[in-house]
Amino acid sequence: MNRVLIFLIVVFSLGFGFAWLADRPGNLALTWEGYAYEIPLFAAAALAVALVVATMILWWLIVSIWRSPKTVSGYFRGRRRDKGFAALSSGIIAAGAGDIATARKMATESQKLLGEDREPLLRLLDAQTAMLEGDHPAARAKFEAMLADPQTKMLGLRGLYLEAQQAGEREAAKHYAEQAVAEAPHLVWAGQAALELKSADHDWDGAIKLIETQKNTKQIGKDEAKRKRAVLLTAKALEVAESDPQTARTAASEAHKLAPDLAPAAVAAANACFRLGELRRGATILEEAWKRQPHPEIAAAYVHARSGDSVLDRLKRARKLAQLRPNHPESRMALGRAELDAGNHAAAREAVEAVLRMQPREGAYLLMADIEEAETGDQGRLRDWLGKAVKAARDPAWTADGYVSPNWAPFSPISGRIDAFEWKVPVEELAPVIDERIEVRGPTEPAKETVPALAAPPKIVEPTEIVPPVTATTTAVAAAPDAHANDAAGPALEGKPASSTTLSQAKEQAERDANGAADAAETAPAAPSEAAPAAAATASPQPAKDGRQPDDPGIDPDEPAAEKPRRFRLF
């Protein structure tokens, strides 16, 4: 647009000038070496303009001929570069789509057209292709080479961090994440990764510093920073509660101020105060938290504030909590447990019946079973309450990423996310998690026919727990007490659950029924097998429980242990 405007201005100026000369005729005389030359002024002006234009054209021709080799080579170089970038783009897209063959082909072609040392994206494509091919040592080598170039250093650190995570090298992953945070504090992935790794290592002070860095770099908002700081301070207070009550009280009190709705922070602050003999201060913290949102952990800490108190003293405190929030189910549950411990069965029954009217759930039915056993001992009514508990809605629990935990934790054991645990009714449970490296060995037994079990809520299994098979006879009775023993625990802080007698009797009855069925099955006539002794004689010896053969001498104590190879160069 500017060139067109300049061209129009030049043409307009020339036309205006020639028109001005045409209106003012005259002659231009030139005397040179005795000769006189006379020409009209208009013709002289036209001749001067033509001379200037011819000079410019001649100069352009000379320059074009002089620069023609460079222009031609630049043209072909541009075409080569365009083809290289097209191949690079196709390779990155193929790598993102998981097309290994196309990614490797485009990587090779782009390297030929662009040159590996001239384009940093070529290293990225080559590393991604190596990762897709499963050649992780080559991928790590590519990412390590990126560390030498300031333009690709952060990319190399992220690639090495992902490779360390994939290989299970926590130390290496932490090193690369911390180095990325030190180089570029604004990187969200680096800050989040370093925060999760520090939390997993229980480095609470380092994690709190990272929270402040994320807040200063605007990665997280002020409210989120306050919440995460409160969670980390609570975790620190719980860790040093026994060894350093003073530090625990300081950390938990700050956490309670930052997040008043975080029940574990209030409980940690109150317990630290109780250990330091500040009973009134700890009770005030729990009362304020109870008014805001009742929680069974708050009730347990408040009722059992002093370990040497009598049941009547604990009952008084439970009644005070009930007065603070009289129409809440947790208030009635706490009061019911305290009344049961004090021997007031009628009052305990009345309190729990109020819970069943407001919120019928598993813990309330189990508590009613405890009351029934303590008051009447009627086994029929006891089993009726246990059956209702099996079918009732579950009690709230600490849940994070589908994992149900009996205790609160600052981060999720599944994803490592900070402040992942929520107090809510679990909507989904994880299946039993068994380490694939553990080989379960045992004698081979014939399968027994079992009757389909009654519908019951599945049991929550810790990641390293191996669940033995259960028969249909035991499932209906054992599922309810095992699934939520914490809710029926009552005074769990004193060291034993309140419903231990009830549950043990129910389990003993289930075992007697199962043994009777097994004896009946064994007395049935069975066809003799002649092939069994021969098979036993020719069978190979079974390995021991530790996986060794009978003639294996085991590990020589004098033999040096094999050193684990290091795949990452951290320093």
Protein backbone atom coordinates (compact mmCIF):
# COMPACT_ATOMS: atom_id res chain seq x y z
CA MET A 1 0.00 0.00 0.00
CA ASN A 2 2.82 2.42 0.79
CA ARG A 3 4.56 1.65 -2.49
CA VAL A 4 1.41 2.38 -4.50
CA LEU A 5 0.99 5.65 -2.65
CA ILE A 6 4.61 6.68 -3.35
CA PHE A 7 4.24 5.76 -7.03
CA LEU A 8 1.12 7.90 -7.36
CA ILE A 9 2.84 10.83 -5.66
CA VAL A 10 5.84 10.60 -8.06
CA VAL A 11 3.62 10.42 -11.15
CA PHE A 12 1.52 13.31 -9.94
CA SER A 13 4.64 15.38 -9.26
CA LEU A 14 6.08 14.70 -12.74
CA GLY A 15 2.81 15.55 -14.43
CA PHE A 16 2.45 18.73 -12.42
CA GLY A 17 6.03 19.74 -13.28
CA PHE A 18 5.67 19.15 -17.01
CA ALA A 19 2.39 21.02 -17.06
CA TRP A 20 4.01 23.94 -15.27
CA LEU A 21 6.86 23.99 -17.84
CA ALA A 22 4.42 23.77 -20.77
CA ASP A 23 2.61 26.88 -19.52
CA ARG A 24 5.92 28.73 -19.33
CA PRO A 25 7.74 28.20 -22.67
CA GLY A 26 11.42 29.04 -23.04
CA ASN A 27 14.75 27.90 -24.42
CA LEU A 28 17.79 26.44 -22.76
CA ALA A 29 21.14 27.61 -24.35
CA LEU A 30 24.44 25.80 -23.83
CA THR A 31 27.79 27.03 -25.17
CA TRP A 32 30.62 24.50 -25.20
CA GLU A 33 33.98 24.73 -27.12
CA GLY A 34 32.76 27.55 -29.35
CA TYR A 35 29.52 25.91 -30.24
CA ALA A 36 26.13 27.18 -29.08
CA TYR A 37 23.37 24.68 -28.36
CA GLU A 38 19.81 25.80 -27.85
CA ILE A 39 16.94 23.49 -26.87
CA PRO A 40 13.42 24.14 -25.61
CA LEU A 41 13.09 24.02 -21.84
CA PHE A 42 10.37 21.38 -21.93
CA ALA A 43 12.48 19.06 -24.08
CA ALA A 44 15.47 19.56 -21.81
CA ALA A 45 13.41 18.55 -18.75
CA ALA A 46 12.09 15.44 -20.53
CA LEU A 47 15.61 14.51 -21.59
CA ALA A 48 16.87 14.85 -18.00
CA VAL A 49 14.10 12.60 -16.64
CA ALA A 50 14.76 9.99 -19.34
CA LEU A 51 18.47 10.06 -18.52
CA VAL A 52 17.77 9.44 -14.82
CA VAL A 53 15.41 6.55 -15.61
CA ALA A 54 17.90 4.96 -17.99
CA THR A 55 20.63 5.21 -15.38
CA MET A 56 18.46 3.50 -12.77
CA ILE A 57 17.54 0.69 -15.17
CA LEU A 58 21.17 0.16 -16.08
CA TRP A 59 22.19 0.05 -12.42
CA TRP A 60 19.44 -2.49 -11.66
CA LEU A 61 20.63 -4.72 -14.50
CA ILE A 62 24.22 -4.61 -13.30
CA VAL A 63 23.23 -5.41 -9.68
CA SER A 64 20.90 -8.24 -10.76
CA ILE A 65 23.62 -9.88 -12.85
CA TRP A 66 26.13 -9.48 -10.02
CA ARG A 67 23.76 -11.06 -7.43
CA SER A 68 22.29 -13.73 -9.68
CA PRO A 69 24.40 -16.65 -8.30
CA LYS A 70 23.42 -15.82 -4.74
CA THR A 71 19.80 -15.32 -5.73
CA VAL A 72 19.63 -18.64 -7.51
CA SER A 73 21.27 -20.51 -4.62
CA GLY A 74 18.99 -18.74 -2.16
CA TYR A 75 15.97 -19.81 -4.16
CA PHE A 76 16.97 -23.47 -4.05
CA ARG A 77 17.99 -23.16 -0.40
CA GLY A 78 14.56 -21.72 0.40
CA ARG A 79 12.84 -24.56 -1.38
CA ARG A 80 14.96 -27.06 0.56
CA ARG A 81 14.17 -25.31 3.84
CA ASP A 82 10.45 -25.27 3.08
CA LYS A 83 10.52 -28.98 2.32
CA GLY A 84 12.49 -29.61 5.51
CA PHE A 85 10.02 -27.70 7.68
CA ALA A 86 7.13 -29.50 5.98
CA ALA A 87 8.75 -32.84 6.79
CA LEU A 88 9.46 -31.67 10.35
CA SER A 89 5.85 -30.62 10.84
CA SER A 90 4.59 -33.95 9.46
CA GLY A 91 6.99 -35.81 11.75
CA ILE A 92 5.87 -33.97 14.89
CA ILE A 93 2.22 -34.63 14.01
CA ALA A 94 2.98 -38.32 13.37
CA ALA A 95 4.85 -38.60 16.68
CA GLY A 96 1.91 -37.01 18.49
CA ALA A 97 -0.45 -39.50 16.81
CA GLY A 98 1.79 -42.46 17.66
CA ASP A 99 2.72 -43.27 14.04
CA ILE A 100 6.25 -44.56 14.64
CA ALA A 101 7.11 -45.41 11.02
CA THR A 102 6.04 -42.03 9.64
CA ALA A 103 7.70 -40.17 12.51
CA ARG A 104 11.05 -41.90 11.92
CA LYS A 105 10.82 -41.38 8.14
CA MET A 106 10.03 -37.68 8.50
CA ALA A 107 12.74 -37.25 11.12
CA THR A 108 15.35 -38.71 8.78
CA GLU A 109 14.15 -36.63 5.84
CA SER A 110 14.05 -33.37 7.83
CA GLN A 111 17.57 -34.01 9.14
CA LYS A 112 18.82 -34.34 5.57
CA LEU A 113 17.06 -31.18 4.43
CA LEU A 114 17.66 -28.93 7.46
CA GLY A 115 20.69 -30.31 9.22
CA GLU A 116 20.55 -31.56 12.81
CA ASP A 117 22.59 -28.76 14.34
CA ARG A 118 20.65 -25.90 12.77
CA GLU A 119 17.13 -26.64 13.99
CA PRO A 120 16.39 -27.46 17.68
CA LEU A 121 13.02 -28.99 16.80
CA LEU A 122 14.85 -31.79 15.03
CA ARG A 123 16.20 -32.96 18.39
CA LEU A 124 12.72 -32.92 19.84
CA LEU A 125 11.32 -35.00 16.98
CA ASP A 126 14.23 -37.43 17.20
CA ALA A 127 13.77 -37.82 20.97
CA GLN A 128 10.01 -38.31 20.65
CA THR A 129 10.53 -40.94 17.96
CA ALA A 130 13.04 -42.77 20.15
CA MET A 131 10.52 -42.75 23.01
CA LEU A 132 7.83 -44.18 20.74
CA GLU A 133 10.22 -46.90 19.58
CA GLY A 134 11.02 -47.80 23.19
CA ASP A 135 14.67 -46.77 22.88
CA HIS A 136 14.77 -44.89 26.16
CA PRO A 137 18.59 -44.66 26.44
CA ALA A 138 18.68 -42.88 23.05
CA ALA A 139 15.85 -40.58 24.13
CA ARG A 140 17.69 -39.68 27.35
CA ALA A 141 20.85 -38.98 25.34
CA LYS A 142 18.91 -36.60 23.08
CA PHE A 143 17.39 -34.79 26.06
CA GLU A 144 20.77 -34.54 27.78
CA ALA A 145 22.22 -33.00 24.62
CA MET A 146 19.49 -30.34 24.78
CA LEU A 147 20.77 -29.17 28.18
CA ALA A 148 23.83 -27.59 26.51
CA ASP A 149 21.67 -25.23 24.43
CA PRO A 150 19.93 -22.46 26.44
CA GLN A 151 17.13 -22.45 23.88
CA THR A 152 16.26 -26.12 24.52
CA LYS A 153 17.41 -26.55 28.12
CA MET A 154 13.91 -26.48 29.64
CA LEU A 155 12.70 -28.91 27.02
CA GLY A 156 15.55 -31.26 27.88
CA LEU A 157 14.80 -31.03 31.61
CA ARG A 158 11.14 -31.85 31.06
CA GLY A 159 12.03 -34.80 28.84
CA LEU A 160 14.49 -36.15 31.39
CA TYR A 161 11.92 -35.69 34.16
CA LEU A 162 9.33 -37.71 32.23
CA GLU A 163 11.90 -40.39 31.45
CA ALA A 164 12.90 -40.60 35.12
CA GLN A 165 9.26 -40.96 36.13
CA GLN A 166 8.74 -43.67 33.55
CA ALA A 167 11.80 -45.55 34.82
CA GLY A 168 10.75 -45.18 38.47
CA GLU A 169 13.83 -43.09 39.37
CA ARG A 170 12.35 -40.77 42.01
CA GLU A 171 15.68 -39.19 42.92
CA ALA A 172 16.41 -38.30 39.30
CA ALA A 173 12.88 -36.99 38.71
CA LYS A 174 13.13 -34.80 41.80
CA HIS A 175 16.54 -33.48 40.70
CA TYR A 176 15.33 -32.46 37.24
CA ALA A 177 12.12 -30.88 38.57
CA GLU A 178 14.03 -28.84 41.16
CA GLN A 179 16.58 -27.75 38.56
CA ALA A 180 13.77 -26.62 36.25
CA VAL A 181 12.16 -24.65 39.10
CA ALA A 182 15.49 -22.98 39.88
CA GLU A 183 16.03 -22.05 36.22
CA ALA A 184 12.44 -21.01 35.43
CA PRO A 185 10.14 -20.60 38.46
CA HIS A 186 7.22 -19.76 36.17
CA LEU A 187 7.04 -23.30 34.73
CA VAL A 188 3.83 -24.84 36.06
CA TRP A 189 4.80 -28.47 35.42
CA ALA A 190 8.12 -28.08 37.21
CA GLY A 191 6.61 -26.44 40.27
CA GLN A 192 3.82 -29.00 40.51
CA ALA A 193 6.18 -31.93 40.02
CA ALA A 194 8.68 -30.65 42.59
CA LEU A 195 5.84 -29.97 45.05
CA GLU A 196 4.43 -33.49 44.74
CA LEU A 197 7.87 -35.10 45.04
CA LYS A 198 8.80 -33.06 48.10
CA SER A 199 5.47 -33.94 49.72
CA ALA A 200 6.03 -37.63 49.01
CA ASP A 201 9.45 -37.33 50.71
CA HIS A 202 7.84 -35.51 53.69
CA ASP A 203 9.91 -32.40 53.01
CA TRP A 204 7.15 -30.11 54.26
CA ASP A 205 9.29 -26.98 54.66
CA GLY A 206 10.60 -27.28 51.10
CA ALA A 207 7.08 -27.84 49.79
CA ILE A 208 5.83 -24.74 51.62
CA LYS A 209 8.59 -22.66 50.00
CA LEU A 210 7.51 -23.94 46.60
CA ILE A 211 3.94 -22.89 47.38
CA GLU A 212 5.16 -19.36 48.06
CA THR A 213 7.13 -19.38 44.80
CA GLN A 214 4.08 -20.50 42.84
CA LYS A 215 2.00 -17.76 44.45
CA ASN A 216 4.59 -15.08 43.67
CA THR A 217 4.83 -16.19 40.03
CA LYS A 218 1.01 -16.16 39.68
CA GLN A 219 0.83 -19.90 39.02
CA ILE A 220 -1.83 -20.32 41.70
CA GLY A 221 -4.21 -17.88 43.34
CA LYS A 222 -4.01 -16.62 46.91
CA ASP A 223 -6.87 -18.80 48.13
CA GLU A 224 -5.36 -21.95 46.65
CA ALA A 225 -1.96 -21.07 48.10
CA LYS A 226 -3.48 -20.59 51.57
CA ARG A 227 -5.31 -23.91 51.34
CA LYS A 228 -2.23 -25.87 50.23
CA ARG A 229 -0.07 -24.18 52.85
CA ALA A 230 -2.60 -25.19 55.51
CA VAL A 231 -2.56 -28.79 54.29
CA LEU A 232 1.24 -28.97 54.38
CA LEU A 233 1.42 -27.35 57.81
CA THR A 234 -1.12 -29.87 59.10
CA ALA A 235 0.98 -32.72 57.74
CA LYS A 236 4.06 -31.27 59.43
CA ALA A 237 2.20 -30.95 62.73
CA LEU A 238 0.99 -34.55 62.60
CA GLU A 239 4.51 -35.79 61.87
CA VAL A 240 6.17 -34.01 64.82
CA ALA A 241 3.22 -34.29 67.21
CA GLU A 242 4.95 -36.77 69.52
CA SER A 243 8.55 -35.55 69.26
CA ASP A 244 8.00 -31.76 69.26
CA PRO A 245 4.54 -30.69 70.52
CA GLN A 246 5.53 -27.01 70.53
CA THR A 247 6.36 -27.00 66.82
CA ALA A 248 3.25 -29.07 66.14
CA ARG A 249 1.04 -26.55 67.93
CA THR A 250 2.56 -23.60 66.03
CA ALA A 251 2.19 -25.28 62.65
CA ALA A 252 -1.30 -26.64 63.30
CA SER A 253 -2.56 -23.33 64.72
CA GLU A 254 -1.40 -21.48 61.60
CA ALA A 255 -3.02 -24.16 59.43
CA HIS A 256 -6.29 -23.81 61.35
CA LYS A 257 -6.28 -20.05 60.79
CA LEU A 258 -5.58 -20.44 57.08
CA ALA A 259 -8.25 -23.14 56.57
CA PRO A 260 -10.83 -23.12 59.38
CA ASP A 261 -12.90 -25.79 57.58
CA LEU A 262 -10.01 -28.30 57.54
CA ALA A 263 -10.92 -30.69 60.36
CA PRO A 264 -7.50 -32.44 60.62
CA ALA A 265 -5.84 -29.04 61.21
CA ALA A 266 -8.18 -28.28 64.12
CA VAL A 267 -7.68 -31.74 65.59
CA ALA A 268 -3.88 -31.50 65.26
CA ALA A 269 -3.81 -28.06 66.90
CA ALA A 270 -6.05 -29.22 69.75
CA ASN A 271 -4.07 -32.41 70.40
CA ALA A 272 -0.83 -30.41 70.49
CA CYS A 273 -2.40 -28.08 73.05
CA PHE A 274 -3.55 -31.06 75.11
CA ARG A 275 -0.01 -32.49 75.16
CA LEU A 276 1.30 -29.13 76.39
CA GLY A 277 -1.34 -28.99 79.13
CA GLU A 278 -3.38 -26.21 77.46
CA LEU A 279 -6.72 -27.94 77.84
CA ARG A 280 -8.91 -24.84 77.61
CA ARG A 281 -7.23 -23.55 74.46
CA GLY A 282 -7.48 -26.92 72.71
CA ALA A 283 -11.13 -27.30 73.67
CA THR A 284 -11.92 -23.84 72.30
CA ILE A 285 -10.33 -24.73 68.95
CA LEU A 286 -12.42 -27.90 68.70
CA GLU A 287 -15.63 -26.13 69.74
CA GLU A 288 -15.18 -23.48 67.06
CA ALA A 289 -14.46 -26.13 64.43
CA TRP A 290 -17.49 -28.14 65.59
CA LYS A 291 -19.79 -25.16 65.24
CA ARG A 292 -18.52 -24.60 61.71
CA GLN A 293 -18.79 -28.23 60.55
CA PRO A 294 -19.22 -31.26 62.87
CA HIS A 295 -16.82 -34.10 62.19
CA PRO A 296 -16.34 -37.44 64.00
CA GLU A 297 -12.60 -36.84 64.42
CA ILE A 298 -13.32 -33.54 66.15
CA ALA A 299 -15.81 -35.29 68.44
CA ALA A 300 -13.32 -38.05 69.31
CA ALA A 301 -10.57 -35.53 70.11
CA TYR A 302 -12.91 -33.39 72.22
CA VAL A 303 -14.44 -36.26 74.19
CA HIS A 304 -11.07 -37.92 74.86
CA ALA A 305 -9.18 -34.69 75.57
CA ARG A 306 -7.73 -36.12 78.79
CA SER A 307 -6.86 -39.80 78.88
CA GLY A 308 -7.42 -40.10 82.64
CA ASP A 309 -11.01 -38.80 82.64
CA SER A 310 -13.86 -41.00 83.70
CA VAL A 311 -16.72 -42.02 81.45
CA LEU A 312 -18.93 -39.43 83.15
CA ASP A 313 -16.47 -36.65 82.29
CA ARG A 314 -16.43 -37.80 78.67
CA LEU A 315 -20.22 -37.92 78.69
CA LYS A 316 -20.38 -34.29 79.86
CA ARG A 317 -18.19 -33.17 77.00
CA ALA A 318 -20.24 -35.18 74.50
CA ARG A 319 -23.41 -33.54 75.78
CA LYS A 320 -21.80 -30.12 75.39
CA LEU A 321 -20.98 -30.90 71.76
CA ALA A 322 -24.56 -32.02 71.21
CA GLN A 323 -25.79 -28.70 72.58
CA LEU A 324 -23.58 -26.76 70.14
CA ARG A 325 -25.16 -28.52 67.10
CA PRO A 326 -28.24 -30.31 68.48
CA ASN A 327 -29.84 -31.34 65.16
CA HIS A 328 -26.76 -32.72 63.42
CA PRO A 329 -26.30 -36.51 63.00
CA GLU A 330 -22.67 -36.38 64.14
CA SER A 331 -23.75 -34.75 67.41
CA ARG A 332 -26.21 -37.55 68.11
CA MET A 333 -23.65 -40.21 67.15
CA ALA A 334 -21.04 -38.79 69.51
CA LEU A 335 -23.64 -38.55 72.27
CA GLY A 336 -24.81 -42.12 71.63
CA ARG A 337 -21.29 -43.53 71.96
CA ALA A 338 -20.66 -41.58 75.16
CA GLU A 339 -24.00 -42.70 76.66
CA LEU A 340 -23.20 -46.32 75.78
CA ASP A 341 -19.77 -46.08 77.47
CA ALA A 342 -21.46 -44.62 80.55
CA GLY A 343 -23.98 -47.46 80.65
CA ASN A 344 -27.01 -45.29 79.83
CA HIS A 345 -28.49 -47.67 77.28
CA ALA A 346 -31.86 -45.99 77.00
CA ALA A 347 -30.32 -42.55 76.35
CA ALA A 348 -27.86 -44.06 73.87
CA ARG A 349 -30.68 -45.81 72.03
CA GLU A 350 -32.67 -42.59 71.87
CA ALA A 351 -29.70 -40.65 70.45
CA VAL A 352 -28.95 -43.25 67.75
CA GLU A 353 -32.63 -43.59 66.82
CA ALA A 354 -32.59 -39.85 66.11
CA VAL A 355 -29.67 -40.45 63.72
CA LEU A 356 -31.60 -43.23 61.98
CA ARG A 357 -34.52 -40.88 61.47
CA MET A 358 -32.32 -38.13 60.03
CA GLN A 359 -29.67 -40.14 58.15
CA PRO A 360 -29.94 -43.95 58.22
CA ARG A 361 -26.45 -45.26 57.59
CA GLU A 362 -24.17 -48.16 58.34
CA GLY A 363 -22.39 -46.72 61.38
CA ALA A 364 -25.66 -45.95 63.15
CA TYR A 365 -26.95 -49.52 62.71
CA LEU A 366 -23.65 -50.94 63.96
CA LEU A 367 -23.84 -48.69 67.02
CA MET A 368 -27.40 -49.89 67.60
CA ALA A 369 -26.06 -53.47 67.49
CA ASP A 370 -23.55 -52.56 70.21
CA ILE A 371 -26.31 -51.05 72.31
CA GLU A 372 -28.51 -54.10 71.79
CA GLU A 373 -25.74 -56.45 72.86
CA ALA A 374 -24.87 -54.40 75.94
CA GLU A 375 -28.49 -53.89 77.03
CA THR A 376 -30.33 -57.14 76.19
CA GLY A 377 -27.83 -59.56 74.63
CA ASP A 378 -30.55 -60.75 72.27
CA GLN A 379 -28.67 -62.44 69.41
CA GLY A 380 -31.68 -62.37 67.10
CA ARG A 381 -32.12 -58.62 67.34
CA LEU A 382 -28.35 -58.22 67.16
CA ARG A 383 -28.24 -60.03 63.83
CA ASP A 384 -31.18 -57.98 62.62
CA TRP A 385 -29.23 -54.75 63.25
CA LEU A 386 -26.16 -56.21 61.53
CA GLY A 387 -28.26 -57.20 58.53
CA LYS A 388 -29.63 -53.67 58.28
CA ALA A 389 -26.09 -52.33 58.47
CA VAL A 390 -25.12 -54.45 55.47
CA LYS A 391 -27.89 -52.92 53.34
CA ALA A 392 -27.60 -49.35 54.66
CA ALA A 393 -25.80 -46.45 53.03
CA ARG A 394 -22.12 -46.16 53.77
CA ASP A 395 -20.67 -43.66 56.19
CA PRO A 396 -18.50 -40.77 54.95
CA ALA A 397 -14.78 -41.50 54.74
CA TRP A 398 -11.58 -39.88 53.54
CA THR A 399 -11.58 -40.44 49.77
CA ALA A 400 -9.09 -39.39 47.09
CA ASP A 401 -9.04 -40.56 43.46
CA GLY A 402 -11.23 -43.55 44.31
CA TYR A 403 -8.99 -44.57 47.23
CA VAL A 404 -10.67 -44.82 50.65
CA SER A 405 -8.43 -44.29 53.66
CA PRO A 406 -9.24 -44.58 57.38
CA ASN A 407 -7.06 -41.54 58.06
CA TRP A 408 -6.56 -38.17 56.40
CA ALA A 409 -3.41 -37.64 54.31
CA PRO A 410 -1.98 -34.45 52.74
CA PHE A 411 -1.70 -35.96 49.24
CA SER A 412 -3.27 -38.73 47.21
CA PRO A 413 -1.38 -42.04 47.13
CA ILE A 414 -2.71 -42.58 43.59
CA SER A 415 -1.89 -39.31 41.80
CA GLY A 416 0.27 -37.47 44.37
CA ARG A 417 -2.07 -34.45 44.21
CA ILE A 418 -1.96 -32.10 47.21
CA ASP A 419 -5.21 -31.70 49.20
CA ALA A 420 -6.90 -34.55 47.34
CA PHE A 421 -8.69 -36.21 50.27
CA GLU A 422 -12.32 -35.27 50.82
CA TRP A 423 -14.70 -36.29 53.59
CA LYS A 424 -17.59 -37.81 51.67
CA VAL A 425 -19.48 -41.04 51.06
CA PRO A 426 -17.29 -43.20 48.77
CA VAL A 427 -18.89 -43.60 45.38
CA GLU A 428 -16.40 -46.14 44.03
CA GLU A 429 -13.84 -48.47 45.53
CA LEU A 430 -10.60 -49.69 44.10
CA ALA A 431 -10.14 -53.38 43.39
CA PRO A 432 -7.48 -55.22 45.43
CA VAL A 433 -4.06 -54.03 44.31
CA ILE A 434 -1.49 -56.86 44.26
CA ASP A 435 2.12 -56.29 43.35
CA GLU A 436 2.82 -58.27 40.17
CA ARG A 437 6.39 -58.89 41.31
CA ILE A 438 5.10 -61.01 44.25
CA GLU A 439 4.47 -64.58 43.17
CA VAL A 440 1.90 -66.23 45.40
CA ARG A 441 2.74 -69.93 45.85
CA GLY A 442 0.84 -72.55 47.77
CA PRO A 443 -0.58 -76.05 47.57
CA THR A 444 -3.05 -76.69 44.78
CA GLU A 445 -6.50 -77.51 46.13
CA PRO A 446 -9.57 -78.68 44.23
CA ALA A 447 -12.19 -76.04 43.68
CA LYS A 448 -15.25 -76.25 45.89
CA GLU A 449 -18.73 -75.34 44.79
CA THR A 450 -20.14 -72.40 46.65
CA VAL A 451 -23.54 -70.84 46.70
CA PRO A 452 -23.62 -67.27 45.29
CA ALA A 453 -23.07 -64.84 48.14
CA LEU A 454 -25.59 -62.27 49.24
CA ALA A 455 -25.10 -58.74 47.93
CA ALA A 456 -22.77 -56.86 50.26
CA PRO A 457 -20.55 -53.84 49.92
CA PRO A 458 -17.02 -54.80 48.86
CA LYS A 459 -14.18 -54.59 51.31
CA ILE A 460 -11.61 -51.81 51.05
CA VAL A 461 -8.20 -53.40 50.55
CA GLU A 462 -4.88 -51.69 51.06
CA PRO A 463 -2.49 -51.74 48.06
CA THR A 464 -0.30 -54.53 49.50
CA GLU A 465 -3.06 -56.67 50.99
CA ILE A 466 -3.84 -60.05 49.41
CA VAL A 467 -7.47 -60.99 49.93
CA PRO A 468 -8.14 -64.70 50.57
CA PRO A 469 -11.21 -66.27 48.96
CA VAL A 470 -14.34 -66.20 51.10
CA THR A 471 -17.31 -68.51 50.91
CA ALA A 472 -20.91 -67.52 50.62
CA THR A 473 -21.58 -68.34 54.23
CA THR A 474 -19.17 -65.76 55.59
CA THR A 475 -19.71 -62.96 53.06
CA ALA A 476 -23.05 -61.65 54.28
CA VAL A 477 -22.02 -61.50 57.93
CA ALA A 478 -18.39 -60.39 57.65
CA ALA A 479 -18.78 -57.72 54.96
CA ALA A 480 -20.50 -55.15 57.13
CA PRO A 481 -18.17 -55.05 60.17
CA ASP A 482 -14.99 -55.39 58.09
CA ALA A 483 -15.89 -52.62 55.65
CA HIS A 484 -16.42 -49.95 58.28
CA ALA A 485 -14.90 -51.01 61.52
CA ASN A 486 -13.83 -47.41 62.13
CA ASP A 487 -17.39 -46.09 62.18
CA ALA A 488 -18.46 -48.63 64.78
CA ALA A 489 -15.32 -48.15 66.81
CA GLY A 490 -16.87 -45.73 69.30
CA PRO A 491 -14.02 -44.84 71.67
CA ALA A 492 -11.42 -45.89 69.13
CA LEU A 493 -8.81 -43.64 70.68
CA GLU A 494 -8.71 -45.83 73.77
CA GLY A 495 -7.31 -48.74 71.78
CA LYS A 496 -10.23 -51.12 71.07
CA PRO A 497 -13.48 -50.94 69.12
CA ALA A 498 -16.78 -50.87 70.98
CA SER A 499 -18.34 -53.65 68.86
CA SER A 500 -15.53 -56.20 69.25
CA THR A 501 -17.70 -58.74 71.15
CA THR A 502 -20.57 -58.46 68.69
CA LEU A 503 -18.41 -58.87 65.64
CA SER A 504 -16.40 -61.75 67.09
CA GLN A 505 -19.57 -63.67 67.94
CA ALA A 506 -20.97 -63.13 64.48
CA LYS A 507 -17.75 -64.31 62.85
CA GLU A 508 -17.57 -67.39 65.11
CA GLN A 509 -21.10 -68.35 64.12
CA ALA A 510 -20.22 -67.91 60.43
CA GLU A 511 -17.10 -70.07 60.84
CA ARG A 512 -19.13 -72.83 62.54
CA ASP A 513 -21.61 -72.83 59.66
CA ALA A 514 -18.77 -72.95 57.11
CA ASN A 515 -17.03 -75.83 58.94
CA GLY A 516 -20.27 -77.80 59.03
CA ALA A 517 -20.70 -77.41 55.29
CA ALA A 518 -17.10 -78.45 54.67
CA ASP A 519 -17.47 -81.57 56.85
CA ALA A 520 -20.59 -82.58 54.96
CA ALA A 521 -18.73 -82.24 51.68
CA GLU A 522 -15.80 -84.33 52.92
CA THR A 523 -18.02 -87.23 54.12
CA ALA A 524 -19.55 -87.62 50.64
CA PRO A 525 -18.23 -90.67 48.70
CA ALA A 526 -15.52 -89.86 46.20
CA ALA A 527 -14.15 -91.95 43.27
CA PRO A 528 -10.66 -93.33 43.95
CA SER A 529 -7.91 -92.07 41.71
CA GLU A 530 -5.04 -94.36 40.78
CA ALA A 531 -3.15 -91.76 38.83
CA ALA A 532 -2.59 -89.55 41.86
CA PRO A 533 0.34 -91.50 43.42
CA ALA A 534 2.09 -91.81 40.06
CA ALA A 535 1.65 -88.14 39.34
CA ALA A 536 2.97 -87.29 42.79
CA ALA A 537 6.01 -89.51 42.27
CA THR A 538 6.94 -88.02 38.91
CA ALA A 539 6.16 -84.41 39.82
CA SER A 540 9.05 -82.03 40.14
CA PRO A 541 9.87 -80.76 43.63
CA GLN A 542 7.95 -77.68 44.62
CA PRO A 543 10.00 -74.56 45.27
CA ALA A 544 10.25 -73.14 48.74
CA LYS A 545 8.23 -70.15 49.95
CA ASP A 546 11.06 -67.77 49.04
CA GLY A 547 11.03 -69.01 45.40
CA ARG A 548 14.27 -71.14 45.59
CA GLN A 549 14.60 -74.78 44.56
CA PRO A 550 15.29 -77.31 47.37
CA ASP A 551 18.90 -77.79 46.23
CA ASP A 552 19.56 -74.07 45.81
CA PRO A 553 22.07 -72.94 48.49
CA GLY A 554 20.75 -69.37 48.27
CA ILE A 555 22.76 -66.16 48.26
CA ASP A 556 26.37 -66.33 49.30
CA PRO A 557 26.87 -63.76 52.11
CA ASP A 558 30.47 -63.22 51.01
CA GLU A 559 29.47 -62.45 47.43
CA PRO A 560 29.29 -58.66 46.79
CA ALA A 561 25.83 -57.40 45.95
CA ALA A 562 25.25 -56.33 42.36
CA GLU A 563 25.21 -52.56 42.13
CA LYS A 564 22.17 -51.07 40.43
CA PRO A 565 23.25 -49.25 37.23
CA ARG A 566 22.62 -45.53 37.17
CA ARG A 567 20.73 -44.41 34.09
CA PHE A 568 20.74 -40.67 34.82
CA ARG A 569 23.72 -38.39 35.31
CA LEU A 570 22.53 -36.00 37.99
CA PHE A 571 25.79 -34.29 38.80
